[in-house]
């Protein structure tokens, strides 16, 4: 089984696209570049009247490739983040 990092490094010229799934909105999904993660998650949270710096933290950990931390933050935000294929 290949890791998420393998997919990113397999095509170094390609900009990775990430699929975000909002677990609180019955599977609402979005495909975004790394620069769109915080804005997308923040807009989903805003629908509940919530502001959280964790949206920016999630974006930063994904940008840095720290997947264990990214998944831990995503879990607190009730979202899933994967590399879109």
PDB file of N, CA and C in Angstrom:
ATOM      1  N   UNK A   1       0.841  -1.176   0.000  1.00  0.00           N
ATOM      2  CA  UNK A   1       0.000   0.000   0.000  1.00  0.00           C
ATOM      3  C   UNK A   1       0.889   1.244   0.000  1.00  0.00           C
ATOM      4  N   UNK A   2       0.552   2.185  -0.817  1.00  0.00           N
ATOM      5  CA  UNK A   2       1.351   3.403  -0.915  1.00  0.00           C
ATOM      6  C   UNK A   2       0.754   4.495  -0.045  1.00  0.00           C
ATOM      7  N   UNK A   3       1.624   5.336   0.486  1.00  0.00           N
ATOM      8  CA  UNK A   3       1.176   6.401   1.387  1.00  0.00           C
ATOM      9  C   UNK A   3       0.672   7.600   0.599  1.00  0.00           C
ATOM     10  N   UNK A   4       0.036   8.523   1.322  1.00  0.00           N
ATOM     11  CA  UNK A   4      -0.401   9.770   0.700  1.00  0.00           C
ATOM     12  C   UNK A   4       0.783  10.558   0.182  1.00  0.00           C
ATOM     13  N   UNK A   5       1.896  10.502   0.903  1.00  0.00           N
ATOM     14  CA  UNK A   5       3.093  11.219   0.447  1.00  0.00           C
ATOM     15  C   UNK A   5       3.584  10.673  -0.883  1.00  0.00           C
ATOM     16  N   UNK A   6       3.416   9.363  -1.125  1.00  0.00           N
ATOM     17  CA  UNK A   6       3.826   8.788  -2.396  1.00  0.00           C
ATOM     18  C   UNK A   6       3.069   9.460  -3.531  1.00  0.00           C
ATOM     19  N   UNK A   7       1.781   9.637  -3.364  1.00  0.00           N
ATOM     20  CA  UNK A   7       0.972  10.234  -4.431  1.00  0.00           C
ATOM     21  C   UNK A   7       1.411  11.656  -4.725  1.00  0.00           C
ATOM     22  N   UNK A   8       1.734  12.411  -3.683  1.00  0.00           N
ATOM     23  CA  UNK A   8       2.170  13.785  -3.889  1.00  0.00           C
ATOM     24  C   UNK A   8       3.503  13.804  -4.620  1.00  0.00           C
ATOM     25  N   UNK A   9       4.424  12.924  -4.229  1.00  0.00           N
ATOM     26  CA  UNK A   9       5.756  12.924  -4.825  1.00  0.00           C
ATOM     27  C   UNK A   9       5.811  12.168  -6.153  1.00  0.00           C
ATOM     28  N   UNK A  10       4.807  11.382  -6.468  1.00  0.00           N
ATOM     29  CA  UNK A  10       4.814  10.623  -7.711  1.00  0.00           C
ATOM     30  C   UNK A  10       4.757  11.544  -8.920  1.00  0.00           C
ATOM     31  N   UNK A  11       4.115  12.688  -8.799  1.00  0.00           N
ATOM     32  CA  UNK A  11       3.990  13.656  -9.879  1.00  0.00           C
ATOM     33  C   UNK A  11       4.385  15.030  -9.346  1.00  0.00           C
ATOM     34  N   UNK A  12       5.679  15.292  -9.257  1.00  0.00           N
ATOM     35  CA  UNK A  12       6.150  16.516  -8.602  1.00  0.00           C
ATOM     36  C   UNK A  12       5.689  17.801  -9.277  1.00  0.00           C
ATOM     37  N   UNK A  13       5.363  17.758 -10.570  1.00  0.00           N
ATOM     38  CA  UNK A  13       4.924  18.965 -11.261  1.00  0.00           C
ATOM     39  C   UNK A  13       3.444  19.257 -11.035  1.00  0.00           C
ATOM     40  N   UNK A  14       2.698  18.268 -10.581  1.00  0.00           N
ATOM     41  CA  UNK A  14       1.263  18.438 -10.394  1.00  0.00           C
ATOM     42  C   UNK A  14       0.977  19.061  -9.026  1.00  0.00           C
ATOM     43  N   UNK A  15       0.050  20.006  -9.015  1.00  0.00           N
ATOM     44  CA  UNK A  15      -0.394  20.590  -7.758  1.00  0.00           C
ATOM     45  C   UNK A  15      -1.455  19.672  -7.176  1.00  0.00           C
ATOM     46  N   UNK A  16      -1.233  19.172  -5.973  1.00  0.00           N
ATOM     47  CA  UNK A  16      -2.218  18.251  -5.408  1.00  0.00           C
ATOM     48  C   UNK A  16      -3.553  18.936  -5.119  1.00  0.00           C
ATOM     49  N   UNK A  17      -4.603  18.197  -5.326  1.00  0.00           N
ATOM     50  CA  UNK A  17      -5.950  18.642  -4.994  1.00  0.00           C
ATOM     51  C   UNK A  17      -6.417  17.773  -3.833  1.00  0.00           C
ATOM     52  N   UNK A  18      -7.016  18.399  -2.860  1.00  0.00           N
ATOM     53  CA  UNK A  18      -7.463  17.699  -1.657  1.00  0.00           C
ATOM     54  C   UNK A  18      -8.980  17.652  -1.632  1.00  0.00           C
ATOM     55  N   UNK A  19      -9.492  16.511  -1.233  1.00  0.00           N
ATOM     56  CA  UNK A  19     -10.934  16.385  -1.061  1.00  0.00           C
ATOM     57  C   UNK A  19     -11.259  16.524   0.410  1.00  0.00           C
ATOM     58  N   UNK A  20     -12.126  17.471   0.711  1.00  0.00           N
ATOM     59  CA  UNK A  20     -12.596  17.702   2.070  1.00  0.00           C
ATOM     60  C   UNK A  20     -14.025  17.189   2.158  1.00  0.00           C
ATOM     61  N   UNK A  21     -14.323  16.468   3.212  1.00  0.00           N
ATOM     62  CA  UNK A  21     -15.678  15.984   3.447  1.00  0.00           C
ATOM     63  C   UNK A  21     -16.133  16.476   4.807  1.00  0.00           C
ATOM     64  N   UNK A  22     -17.236  17.190   4.815  1.00  0.00           N
ATOM     65  CA  UNK A  22     -17.810  17.742   6.041  1.00  0.00           C
ATOM     66  C   UNK A  22     -18.730  16.686   6.649  1.00  0.00           C
ATOM     67  N   UNK A  23     -18.310  16.100   7.747  1.00  0.00           N
ATOM     68  CA  UNK A  23     -19.098  15.035   8.377  1.00  0.00           C
ATOM     69  C   UNK A  23     -20.350  15.565   9.060  1.00  0.00           C
ATOM     70  N   UNK A  24     -20.434  16.869   9.309  1.00  0.00           N
ATOM     71  CA  UNK A  24     -21.612  17.443   9.955  1.00  0.00           C
ATOM     72  C   UNK A  24     -22.709  17.816   8.961  1.00  0.00           C
ATOM     73  N   UNK A  25     -22.367  17.889   7.694  1.00  0.00           N
ATOM     74  CA  UNK A  25     -23.338  18.236   6.649  1.00  0.00           C
ATOM     75  C   UNK A  25     -23.610  17.047   5.739  1.00  0.00           C
ATOM     76  N   UNK A  26     -23.735  15.878   6.324  1.00  0.00           N
ATOM     77  CA  UNK A  26     -24.113  14.681   5.581  1.00  0.00           C
ATOM     78  C   UNK A  26     -23.253  14.456   4.333  1.00  0.00           C
ATOM     79  N   UNK A  27     -21.944  14.504   4.516  1.00  0.00           N
ATOM     80  CA  UNK A  27     -21.042  14.177   3.427  1.00  0.00           C
ATOM     81  C   UNK A  27     -20.795  15.289   2.421  1.00  0.00           C
ATOM     82  N   UNK A  28     -21.097  16.525   2.760  1.00  0.00           N
ATOM     83  CA  UNK A  28     -20.807  17.670   1.894  1.00  0.00           C
ATOM     84  C   UNK A  28     -19.313  17.620   1.547  1.00  0.00           C
ATOM     85  N   UNK A  29     -18.956  17.709   0.275  1.00  0.00           N
ATOM     86  CA  UNK A  29     -17.551  17.617  -0.123  1.00  0.00           C
ATOM     87  C   UNK A  29     -17.124  18.809  -0.969  1.00  0.00           C
ATOM     88  N   UNK A  30     -15.819  19.032  -0.981  1.00  0.00           N
ATOM     89  CA  UNK A  30     -15.216  20.063  -1.823  1.00  0.00           C
ATOM     90  C   UNK A  30     -13.835  19.571  -2.232  1.00  0.00           C
ATOM     91  N   UNK A  31     -13.420  19.925  -3.424  1.00  0.00           N
ATOM     92  CA  UNK A  31     -12.059  19.645  -3.899  1.00  0.00           C
ATOM     93  C   UNK A  31     -11.344  20.970  -4.049  1.00  0.00           C
ATOM     94  N   UNK A  32     -10.237  21.106  -3.332  1.00  0.00           N
ATOM     95  CA  UNK A  32      -9.534  22.387  -3.280  1.00  0.00           C
ATOM     96  C   UNK A  32      -8.031  22.165  -3.299  1.00  0.00           C
ATOM     97  N   UNK A  33      -7.307  23.222  -3.659  1.00  0.00           N
ATOM     98  CA  UNK A  33      -5.853  23.202  -3.502  1.00  0.00           C
ATOM     99  C   UNK A  33      -5.558  23.411  -2.027  1.00  0.00           C
ATOM    100  N   UNK A  34      -4.319  23.270  -1.649  1.00  0.00           N
ATOM    101  CA  UNK A  34      -3.962  23.449  -0.241  1.00  0.00           C
ATOM    102  C   UNK A  34      -4.339  24.847   0.251  1.00  0.00           C
ATOM    103  N   UNK A  35      -4.272  25.839  -0.635  1.00  0.00           N
ATOM    104  CA  UNK A  35      -4.601  27.210  -0.259  1.00  0.00           C
ATOM    105  C   UNK A  35      -6.092  27.417   0.001  1.00  0.00           C
ATOM    106  N   UNK A  36      -6.917  26.460  -0.382  1.00  0.00           N
ATOM    107  CA  UNK A  36      -8.357  26.596  -0.188  1.00  0.00           C
ATOM    108  C   UNK A  36      -8.904  25.839   1.003  1.00  0.00           C
ATOM    109  N   UNK A  37      -8.041  25.110   1.704  1.00  0.00           N
ATOM    110  CA  UNK A  37      -8.516  24.284   2.812  1.00  0.00           C
ATOM    111  C   UNK A  37      -9.108  25.135   3.935  1.00  0.00           C
ATOM    112  N   UNK A  38      -8.372  26.109   4.422  1.00  0.00           N
ATOM    113  CA  UNK A  38      -8.836  26.918   5.562  1.00  0.00           C
ATOM    114  C   UNK A  38     -10.124  27.663   5.229  1.00  0.00           C
ATOM    115  N   UNK A  39     -10.201  28.248   4.056  1.00  0.00           N
ATOM    116  CA  UNK A  39     -11.405  28.996   3.673  1.00  0.00           C
ATOM    117  C   UNK A  39     -12.633  28.116   3.562  1.00  0.00           C
ATOM    118  N   UNK A  40     -12.447  26.928   3.002  1.00  0.00           N
ATOM    119  CA  UNK A  40     -13.575  26.008   2.851  1.00  0.00           C
ATOM    120  C   UNK A  40     -14.070  25.535   4.209  1.00  0.00           C
ATOM    121  N   UNK A  41     -13.146  25.097   5.054  1.00  0.00           N
ATOM    122  CA  UNK A  41     -13.535  24.617   6.380  1.00  0.00           C
ATOM    123  C   UNK A  41     -14.137  25.756   7.198  1.00  0.00           C
ATOM    124  N   UNK A  42     -13.566  26.942   7.116  1.00  0.00           N
ATOM    125  CA  UNK A  42     -14.097  28.086   7.851  1.00  0.00           C
ATOM    126  C   UNK A  42     -15.520  28.417   7.408  1.00  0.00           C
ATOM    127  N   UNK A  43     -15.789  28.303   6.103  1.00  0.00           N
ATOM    128  CA  UNK A  43     -17.150  28.603   5.636  1.00  0.00           C
ATOM    129  C   UNK A  43     -18.146  27.556   6.134  1.00  0.00           C
ATOM    130  N   UNK A  44     -17.722  26.300   6.203  1.00  0.00           N
ATOM    131  CA  UNK A  44     -18.608  25.261   6.757  1.00  0.00           C
ATOM    132  C   UNK A  44     -18.879  25.533   8.234  1.00  0.00           C
ATOM    133  N   UNK A  45     -17.843  25.908   8.978  1.00  0.00           N
ATOM    134  CA  UNK A  45     -18.021  26.212  10.403  1.00  0.00           C
ATOM    135  C   UNK A  45     -18.913  27.432  10.604  1.00  0.00           C
ATOM    136  N   UNK A  46     -18.790  28.413   9.724  1.00  0.00           N
ATOM    137  CA  UNK A  46     -19.585  29.632   9.834  1.00  0.00           C
ATOM    138  C   UNK A  46     -21.079  29.345   9.730  1.00  0.00           C
ATOM    139  N   UNK A  47     -21.437  28.295   9.019  1.00  0.00           N
ATOM    140  CA  UNK A  47     -22.844  27.921   8.917  1.00  0.00           C
ATOM    141  C   UNK A  47     -23.420  27.549  10.279  1.00  0.00           C
ATOM    142  N   UNK A  48     -22.549  27.180  11.214  1.00  0.00           N
ATOM    143  CA  UNK A  48     -22.964  26.870  12.575  1.00  0.00           C
ATOM    144  C   UNK A  48     -22.672  28.028  13.527  1.00  0.00           C
ATOM    145  N   UNK A  49     -22.198  29.149  12.983  1.00  0.00           N
ATOM    146  CA  UNK A  49     -21.854  30.290  13.820  1.00  0.00           C
ATOM    147  C   UNK A  49     -20.558  30.095  14.591  1.00  0.00           C
ATOM    148  N   UNK A  50     -19.654  29.284  14.050  1.00  0.00           N
ATOM    149  CA  UNK A  50     -18.410  28.942  14.732  1.00  0.00           C
ATOM    150  C   UNK A  50     -17.217  29.540  13.982  1.00  0.00           C
ATOM    151  N   UNK A  51     -16.293  30.106  14.736  1.00  0.00           N
ATOM    152  CA  UNK A  51     -15.003  30.547  14.206  1.00  0.00           C
ATOM    153  C   UNK A  51     -13.929  29.740  14.911  1.00  0.00           C
ATOM    154  N   UNK A  52     -12.964  29.222  14.168  1.00  0.00           N
ATOM    155  CA  UNK A  52     -11.913  28.434  14.798  1.00  0.00           C
ATOM    156  C   UNK A  52     -10.588  28.605  14.070  1.00  0.00           C
ATOM    157  N   UNK A  53      -9.514  28.844  14.829  1.00  0.00           N
ATOM    158  CA  UNK A  53      -8.189  28.904  14.207  1.00  0.00           C
ATOM    159  C   UNK A  53      -7.713  27.532  13.732  1.00  0.00           C
ATOM    160  N   UNK A  54      -8.429  26.479  14.112  1.00  0.00           N
ATOM    161  CA  UNK A  54      -8.023  25.140  13.687  1.00  0.00           C
ATOM    162  C   UNK A  54      -8.121  24.951  12.171  1.00  0.00           C
ATOM    163  N   UNK A  55      -8.975  25.730  11.510  1.00  0.00           N
ATOM    164  CA  UNK A  55      -9.069  25.630  10.046  1.00  0.00           C
ATOM    165  C   UNK A  55      -7.724  26.003   9.413  1.00  0.00           C
ATOM    166  N   UNK A  56      -7.104  27.053   9.917  1.00  0.00           N
ATOM    167  CA  UNK A  56      -5.794  27.461   9.405  1.00  0.00           C
ATOM    168  C   UNK A  56      -4.714  26.460   9.810  1.00  0.00           C
ATOM    169  N   UNK A  57      -4.829  25.916  11.016  1.00  0.00           N
ATOM    170  CA  UNK A  57      -3.875  24.894  11.461  1.00  0.00           C
ATOM    171  C   UNK A  57      -3.952  23.664  10.562  1.00  0.00           C
ATOM    172  N   UNK A  58      -5.167  23.284  10.171  1.00  0.00           N
ATOM    173  CA  UNK A  58      -5.340  22.135   9.277  1.00  0.00           C
ATOM    174  C   UNK A  58      -4.642  22.399   7.948  1.00  0.00           C
ATOM    175  N   UNK A  59      -4.875  23.571   7.390  1.00  0.00           N
ATOM    176  CA  UNK A  59      -4.235  23.915   6.120  1.00  0.00           C
ATOM    177  C   UNK A  59      -2.713  23.849   6.227  1.00  0.00           C
ATOM    178  N   UNK A  60      -2.171  24.385   7.305  1.00  0.00           N
ATOM    179  CA  UNK A  60      -0.716  24.411   7.477  1.00  0.00           C
ATOM    180  C   UNK A  60      -0.139  23.004   7.628  1.00  0.00           C
ATOM    181  N   UNK A  61      -0.798  22.141   8.392  1.00  0.00           N
ATOM    182  CA  UNK A  61      -0.260  20.783   8.571  1.00  0.00           C
ATOM    183  C   UNK A  61      -0.332  19.984   7.274  1.00  0.00           C
ATOM    184  N   UNK A  62      -1.384  20.205   6.479  1.00  0.00           N
ATOM    185  CA  UNK A  62      -1.463  19.530   5.170  1.00  0.00           C
ATOM    186  C   UNK A  62      -0.344  20.061   4.275  1.00  0.00           C
ATOM    187  N   UNK A  63      -0.161  21.376   4.257  1.00  0.00           N
ATOM    188  CA  UNK A  63       0.902  21.988   3.432  1.00  0.00           C
ATOM    189  C   UNK A  63       2.272  21.399   3.773  1.00  0.00           C
ATOM    190  N   UNK A  64       2.505  21.159   5.071  1.00  0.00           N
ATOM    191  CA  UNK A  64       3.792  20.635   5.523  1.00  0.00           C
ATOM    192  C   UNK A  64       3.881  19.116   5.410  1.00  0.00           C
ATOM    193  N   UNK A  65       2.777  18.468   5.095  1.00  0.00           N
ATOM    194  CA  UNK A  65       2.792  17.014   4.955  1.00  0.00           C
ATOM    195  C   UNK A  65       2.769  16.262   6.275  1.00  0.00           C
ATOM    196  N   UNK A  66       2.336  16.900   7.331  1.00  0.00           N
ATOM    197  CA  UNK A  66       2.238  16.262   8.649  1.00  0.00           C
ATOM    198  C   UNK A  66       0.865  15.608   8.775  1.00  0.00           C
ATOM    199  N   UNK A  67       0.725  14.438   8.160  1.00  0.00           N
ATOM    200  CA  UNK A  67      -0.594  13.820   8.036  1.00  0.00           C
ATOM    201  C   UNK A  67      -1.185  13.356   9.359  1.00  0.00           C
ATOM    202  N   UNK A  68      -0.383  12.906  10.291  1.00  0.00           N
ATOM    203  CA  UNK A  68      -0.936  12.485  11.585  1.00  0.00           C
ATOM    204  C   UNK A  68      -1.578  13.685  12.280  1.00  0.00           C
ATOM    205  N   UNK A  69      -0.878  14.809  12.281  1.00  0.00           N
ATOM    206  CA  UNK A  69      -1.424  16.024  12.890  1.00  0.00           C
ATOM    207  C   UNK A  69      -2.627  16.535  12.105  1.00  0.00           C
ATOM    208  N   UNK A  70      -2.558  16.483  10.785  1.00  0.00           N
ATOM    209  CA  UNK A  70      -3.673  16.949   9.950  1.00  0.00           C
ATOM    210  C   UNK A  70      -4.937  16.143  10.230  1.00  0.00           C
ATOM    211  N   UNK A  71      -4.796  14.839  10.339  1.00  0.00           N
ATOM    212  CA  UNK A  71      -5.970  14.008  10.602  1.00  0.00           C
ATOM    213  C   UNK A  71      -6.509  14.232  12.014  1.00  0.00           C
ATOM    214  N   UNK A  72      -5.639  14.498  12.962  1.00  0.00           N
ATOM    215  CA  UNK A  72      -6.092  14.793  14.329  1.00  0.00           C
ATOM    216  C   UNK A  72      -6.877  16.107  14.364  1.00  0.00           C
ATOM    217  N   UNK A  73      -6.382  17.116  13.671  1.00  0.00           N
ATOM    218  CA  UNK A  73      -7.081  18.400  13.612  1.00  0.00           C
ATOM    219  C   UNK A  73      -8.396  18.244  12.851  1.00  0.00           C
ATOM    220  N   UNK A  74      -8.352  17.541  11.726  1.00  0.00           N
ATOM    221  CA  UNK A  74      -9.558  17.329  10.930  1.00  0.00           C
ATOM    222  C   UNK A  74     -10.636  16.618  11.745  1.00  0.00           C
ATOM    223  N   UNK A  75     -10.223  15.678  12.566  1.00  0.00           N
ATOM    224  CA  UNK A  75     -11.181  14.959  13.392  1.00  0.00           C
ATOM    225  C   UNK A  75     -11.880  15.917  14.361  1.00  0.00           C
ATOM    226  N   UNK A  76     -11.134  16.840  14.943  1.00  0.00           N
ATOM    227  CA  UNK A  76     -11.735  17.831  15.855  1.00  0.00           C
ATOM    228  C   UNK A  76     -12.686  18.769  15.127  1.00  0.00           C
ATOM    229  N   UNK A  77     -12.430  18.983  13.834  1.00  0.00           N
ATOM    230  CA  UNK A  77     -13.284  19.853  13.024  1.00  0.00           C
ATOM    231  C   UNK A  77     -14.431  19.087  12.360  1.00  0.00           C
ATOM    232  N   UNK A  78     -14.471  17.786  12.561  1.00  0.00           N
ATOM    233  CA  UNK A  78     -15.485  16.910  11.937  1.00  0.00           C
ATOM    234  C   UNK A  78     -15.424  16.963  10.419  1.00  0.00           C
ATOM    235  N   UNK A  79     -14.198  16.946   9.894  1.00  0.00           N
ATOM    236  CA  UNK A  79     -13.997  16.852   8.452  1.00  0.00           C
ATOM    237  C   UNK A  79     -13.005  15.743   8.157  1.00  0.00           C
ATOM    238  N   UNK A  80     -13.054  15.243   6.959  1.00  0.00           N
ATOM    239  CA  UNK A  80     -12.053  14.295   6.470  1.00  0.00           C
ATOM    240  C   UNK A  80     -11.278  15.001   5.372  1.00  0.00           C
ATOM    241  N   UNK A  81      -9.984  14.751   5.306  1.00  0.00           N
ATOM    242  CA  UNK A  81      -9.158  15.328   4.251  1.00  0.00           C
ATOM    243  C   UNK A  81      -8.345  14.223   3.620  1.00  0.00           C
ATOM    244  N   UNK A  82      -8.413  14.147   2.305  1.00  0.00           N
ATOM    245  CA  UNK A  82      -7.639  13.166   1.539  1.00  0.00           C
ATOM    246  C   UNK A  82      -7.107  13.823   0.283  1.00  0.00           C
ATOM    247  N   UNK A  83      -6.146  13.184  -0.322  1.00  0.00           N
ATOM    248  CA  UNK A  83      -5.673  13.651  -1.619  1.00  0.00           C
ATOM    249  C   UNK A  83      -6.624  13.097  -2.662  1.00  0.00           C
ATOM    250  N   UNK A  84      -7.186  13.980  -3.472  1.00  0.00           N
ATOM    251  CA  UNK A  84      -8.111  13.568  -4.525  1.00  0.00           C
ATOM    252  C   UNK A  84      -7.331  12.901  -5.649  1.00  0.00           C
ATOM    253  N   UNK A  85      -7.870  11.867  -6.197  1.00  0.00           N
ATOM    254  CA  UNK A  85      -7.200  11.167  -7.285  1.00  0.00           C
ATOM    255  C   UNK A  85      -7.819  11.520  -8.595  1.00  0.00           C
TER     256      UNK A  85
END
